[in-house]
């Protein structure tokens, strides 16, 4: 398990060296290009020393959006407890009570999603 954690952390570090995130955010948002449900992404991020992205301002959201856009995917965002949100019009929809998670799309807007959906594993490394 420890060796796997080190490999995951090193994978994120090698990715960070290959990409530039000049968006004004003081945090690093990066991916190892794996996919998973929310629980899997949370585990991947925590093992690498990061967390599921939790944008706290527009700069963070733009940095995360750039990763999502570059990979033509969506990624989970952790929004609970944050004063910043960037919901798309009509979101979050409370009509479907199975959608307890949120994802960011390529335009930077957030949408309600089920936590069991699989999305790109993007992790945030605060104060990078």
C-alpha atoms as a PDB file:
ATOM      1  CA  UNK A   1       0.000   0.000   0.000  1.00  0.00           C
ATOM      2  CA  UNK A   2       2.810   2.409   0.866  1.00  0.00           C
ATOM      3  CA  UNK A   3       4.560   1.702  -2.452  1.00  0.00           C
ATOM      4  CA  UNK A   4       1.302   2.364  -4.307  1.00  0.00           C
ATOM      5  CA  UNK A   5       0.898   5.664  -2.466  1.00  0.00           C
ATOM      6  CA  UNK A   6       4.430   6.724  -3.415  1.00  0.00           C
ATOM      7  CA  UNK A   7       3.836   5.770  -7.074  1.00  0.00           C
ATOM      8  CA  UNK A   8       0.613   7.794  -7.119  1.00  0.00           C
ATOM      9  CA  UNK A   9       2.290  10.820  -5.539  1.00  0.00           C
ATOM     10  CA  UNK A  10       5.187  10.586  -8.006  1.00  0.00           C
ATOM     11  CA  UNK A  11       2.744  10.315 -10.916  1.00  0.00           C
ATOM     12  CA  UNK A  12       1.114  13.572  -9.862  1.00  0.00           C
ATOM     13  CA  UNK A  13       4.497  15.246  -9.418  1.00  0.00           C
ATOM     14  CA  UNK A  14       5.626  14.224 -12.900  1.00  0.00           C
ATOM     15  CA  UNK A  15       2.379  15.545 -14.365  1.00  0.00           C
ATOM     16  CA  UNK A  16       2.768  18.855 -12.544  1.00  0.00           C
ATOM     17  CA  UNK A  17       6.209  19.315 -14.079  1.00  0.00           C
ATOM     18  CA  UNK A  18       4.792  18.798 -17.570  1.00  0.00           C
ATOM     19  CA  UNK A  19       1.925  21.278 -17.295  1.00  0.00           C
ATOM     20  CA  UNK A  20       1.566  24.951 -16.502  1.00  0.00           C
ATOM     21  CA  UNK A  21      -1.300  26.258 -14.408  1.00  0.00           C
ATOM     22  CA  UNK A  22      -0.852  30.023 -14.735  1.00  0.00           C
ATOM     23  CA  UNK A  23      -4.369  31.027 -13.742  1.00  0.00           C
ATOM     24  CA  UNK A  24      -3.815  33.096 -10.636  1.00  0.00           C
ATOM     25  CA  UNK A  25      -4.651  30.239  -8.284  1.00  0.00           C
ATOM     26  CA  UNK A  26      -2.167  29.493  -5.536  1.00  0.00           C
ATOM     27  CA  UNK A  27      -3.263  25.843  -5.674  1.00  0.00           C
ATOM     28  CA  UNK A  28      -2.220  23.132  -8.106  1.00  0.00           C
ATOM     29  CA  UNK A  29      -4.939  21.173  -9.911  1.00  0.00           C
ATOM     30  CA  UNK A  30      -3.667  18.143 -11.799  1.00  0.00           C
ATOM     31  CA  UNK A  31      -4.669  14.698 -13.022  1.00  0.00           C
ATOM     32  CA  UNK A  32      -3.079  11.306 -13.449  1.00  0.00           C
ATOM     33  CA  UNK A  33      -5.710  10.650 -16.169  1.00  0.00           C
ATOM     34  CA  UNK A  34      -7.356   7.862 -14.171  1.00  0.00           C
ATOM     35  CA  UNK A  35     -11.137   7.786 -13.754  1.00  0.00           C
ATOM     36  CA  UNK A  36     -13.255   6.811 -10.806  1.00  0.00           C
ATOM     37  CA  UNK A  37     -16.350   7.446  -8.754  1.00  0.00           C
ATOM     38  CA  UNK A  38     -16.214  10.085  -6.012  1.00  0.00           C
ATOM     39  CA  UNK A  39     -14.938   7.677  -3.351  1.00  0.00           C
ATOM     40  CA  UNK A  40     -12.170   6.400  -5.635  1.00  0.00           C
ATOM     41  CA  UNK A  41     -11.091   9.910  -6.647  1.00  0.00           C
ATOM     42  CA  UNK A  42     -11.105  10.986  -2.994  1.00  0.00           C
ATOM     43  CA  UNK A  43      -8.855   8.024  -2.143  1.00  0.00           C
ATOM     44  CA  UNK A  44      -6.487   8.698  -5.060  1.00  0.00           C
ATOM     45  CA  UNK A  45      -6.149  12.339  -4.055  1.00  0.00           C
ATOM     46  CA  UNK A  46      -5.676  11.726  -0.334  1.00  0.00           C
ATOM     47  CA  UNK A  47      -3.045   9.035  -1.000  1.00  0.00           C
ATOM     48  CA  UNK A  48      -1.155  11.545  -3.148  1.00  0.00           C
ATOM     49  CA  UNK A  49      -1.296  14.206  -0.422  1.00  0.00           C
ATOM     50  CA  UNK A  50      -4.059  16.213  -2.081  1.00  0.00           C
ATOM     51  CA  UNK A  51      -7.831  16.422  -2.034  1.00  0.00           C
ATOM     52  CA  UNK A  52     -10.856  16.425  -4.319  1.00  0.00           C
ATOM     53  CA  UNK A  53     -10.894  19.946  -5.789  1.00  0.00           C
ATOM     54  CA  UNK A  54     -12.752  22.507  -3.710  1.00  0.00           C
ATOM     55  CA  UNK A  55     -12.542  25.813  -5.607  1.00  0.00           C
ATOM     56  CA  UNK A  56     -12.674  28.758  -3.210  1.00  0.00           C
ATOM     57  CA  UNK A  57     -12.707  31.518  -5.831  1.00  0.00           C
ATOM     58  CA  UNK A  58     -12.843  32.208  -9.558  1.00  0.00           C
ATOM     59  CA  UNK A  59      -9.082  31.702  -9.997  1.00  0.00           C
ATOM     60  CA  UNK A  60      -9.300  28.210  -8.477  1.00  0.00           C
ATOM     61  CA  UNK A  61     -12.295  27.388 -10.656  1.00  0.00           C
ATOM     62  CA  UNK A  62     -10.463  28.544 -13.799  1.00  0.00           C
ATOM     63  CA  UNK A  63      -7.394  26.494 -12.894  1.00  0.00           C
ATOM     64  CA  UNK A  64      -9.556  23.408 -12.419  1.00  0.00           C
ATOM     65  CA  UNK A  65     -11.484  24.176 -15.603  1.00  0.00           C
ATOM     66  CA  UNK A  66      -8.237  24.256 -17.599  1.00  0.00           C
ATOM     67  CA  UNK A  67      -7.408  20.691 -16.533  1.00  0.00           C
ATOM     68  CA  UNK A  68     -10.922  19.478 -17.337  1.00  0.00           C
ATOM     69  CA  UNK A  69     -10.970  21.271 -20.693  1.00  0.00           C
ATOM     70  CA  UNK A  70      -7.541  19.957 -21.728  1.00  0.00           C
ATOM     71  CA  UNK A  71      -8.657  16.409 -21.023  1.00  0.00           C
ATOM     72  CA  UNK A  72     -12.125  16.788 -22.598  1.00  0.00           C
ATOM     73  CA  UNK A  73     -13.709  15.396 -19.431  1.00  0.00           C
ATOM     74  CA  UNK A  74     -15.637  16.371 -16.302  1.00  0.00           C
ATOM     75  CA  UNK A  75     -14.295  16.113 -12.746  1.00  0.00           C
ATOM     76  CA  UNK A  76     -15.760  16.040  -9.254  1.00  0.00           C
ATOM     77  CA  UNK A  77     -15.784  19.177  -7.117  1.00  0.00           C
ATOM     78  CA  UNK A  78     -16.238  19.256  -3.364  1.00  0.00           C
ATOM     79  CA  UNK A  79     -18.506  22.214  -2.711  1.00  0.00           C
ATOM     80  CA  UNK A  80     -19.974  21.567   0.731  1.00  0.00           C
ATOM     81  CA  UNK A  81     -18.872  24.146   3.253  1.00  0.00           C
ATOM     82  CA  UNK A  82     -17.556  26.530   0.600  1.00  0.00           C
ATOM     83  CA  UNK A  83     -18.877  30.037   0.083  1.00  0.00           C
ATOM     84  CA  UNK A  84     -17.864  29.920  -3.609  1.00  0.00           C
ATOM     85  CA  UNK A  85     -19.960  28.049  -6.182  1.00  0.00           C
ATOM     86  CA  UNK A  86     -20.282  28.180  -9.955  1.00  0.00           C
ATOM     87  CA  UNK A  87     -23.492  26.252 -10.627  1.00  0.00           C
ATOM     88  CA  UNK A  88     -24.889  26.149 -14.160  1.00  0.00           C
ATOM     89  CA  UNK A  89     -28.354  27.628 -14.630  1.00  0.00           C
ATOM     90  CA  UNK A  90     -30.955  25.394 -12.975  1.00  0.00           C
ATOM     91  CA  UNK A  91     -28.383  23.610 -10.818  1.00  0.00           C
ATOM     92  CA  UNK A  92     -28.254  22.054  -8.401  1.00  0.00           C
ATOM     93  CA  UNK A  93     -31.479  20.331  -9.264  1.00  0.00           C
ATOM     94  CA  UNK A  94     -33.165  18.981  -6.164  1.00  0.00           C
ATOM     95  CA  UNK A  95     -35.619  16.966  -8.260  1.00  0.00           C
ATOM     96  CA  UNK A  96     -33.226  14.006  -8.476  1.00  0.00           C
ATOM     97  CA  UNK A  97     -32.236  13.152  -4.922  1.00  0.00           C
ATOM     98  CA  UNK A  98     -29.644  10.599  -6.133  1.00  0.00           C
ATOM     99  CA  UNK A  99     -27.362  13.432  -7.263  1.00  0.00           C
ATOM    100  CA  UNK A 100     -25.407  14.181  -4.101  1.00  0.00           C
ATOM    101  CA  UNK A 101     -22.129  15.108  -5.803  1.00  0.00           C
ATOM    102  CA  UNK A 102     -21.093  17.816  -8.240  1.00  0.00           C
ATOM    103  CA  UNK A 103     -18.913  17.897 -11.338  1.00  0.00           C
ATOM    104  CA  UNK A 104     -17.282  20.732 -13.249  1.00  0.00           C
ATOM    105  CA  UNK A 105     -17.644  20.717 -17.021  1.00  0.00           C
ATOM    106  CA  UNK A 106     -15.333  22.082 -19.710  1.00  0.00           C
ATOM    107  CA  UNK A 107     -16.910  25.538 -19.522  1.00  0.00           C
ATOM    108  CA  UNK A 108     -16.255  25.721 -15.767  1.00  0.00           C
ATOM    109  CA  UNK A 109     -19.883  25.317 -14.737  1.00  0.00           C
ATOM    110  CA  UNK A 110     -20.949  22.894 -12.021  1.00  0.00           C
ATOM    111  CA  UNK A 111     -23.672  20.274 -12.381  1.00  0.00           C
ATOM    112  CA  UNK A 112     -25.248  17.899  -9.881  1.00  0.00           C
ATOM    113  CA  UNK A 113     -24.133  14.281 -10.389  1.00  0.00           C
ATOM    114  CA  UNK A 114     -24.403  10.937  -8.692  1.00  0.00           C
ATOM    115  CA  UNK A 115     -21.365  10.020  -6.635  1.00  0.00           C
ATOM    116  CA  UNK A 116     -21.208   6.668  -8.436  1.00  0.00           C
ATOM    117  CA  UNK A 117     -20.560   8.216 -11.865  1.00  0.00           C
ATOM    118  CA  UNK A 118     -16.986   7.865 -13.101  1.00  0.00           C
ATOM    119  CA  UNK A 119     -15.094  11.030 -13.919  1.00  0.00           C
ATOM    120  CA  UNK A 120     -11.523  12.163 -14.432  1.00  0.00           C
ATOM    121  CA  UNK A 121      -9.471  12.014 -11.236  1.00  0.00           C
ATOM    122  CA  UNK A 122      -8.351  15.600 -10.672  1.00  0.00           C
ATOM    123  CA  UNK A 123      -6.714  16.473  -7.375  1.00  0.00           C
ATOM    124  CA  UNK A 124      -6.011  19.776  -5.695  1.00  0.00           C
ATOM    125  CA  UNK A 125      -2.765  20.427  -3.876  1.00  0.00           C
ATOM    126  CA  UNK A 126      -3.317  23.545  -1.735  1.00  0.00           C
ATOM    127  CA  UNK A 127      -0.716  26.295  -1.363  1.00  0.00           C
ATOM    128  CA  UNK A 128       1.511  24.747  -3.990  1.00  0.00           C
END
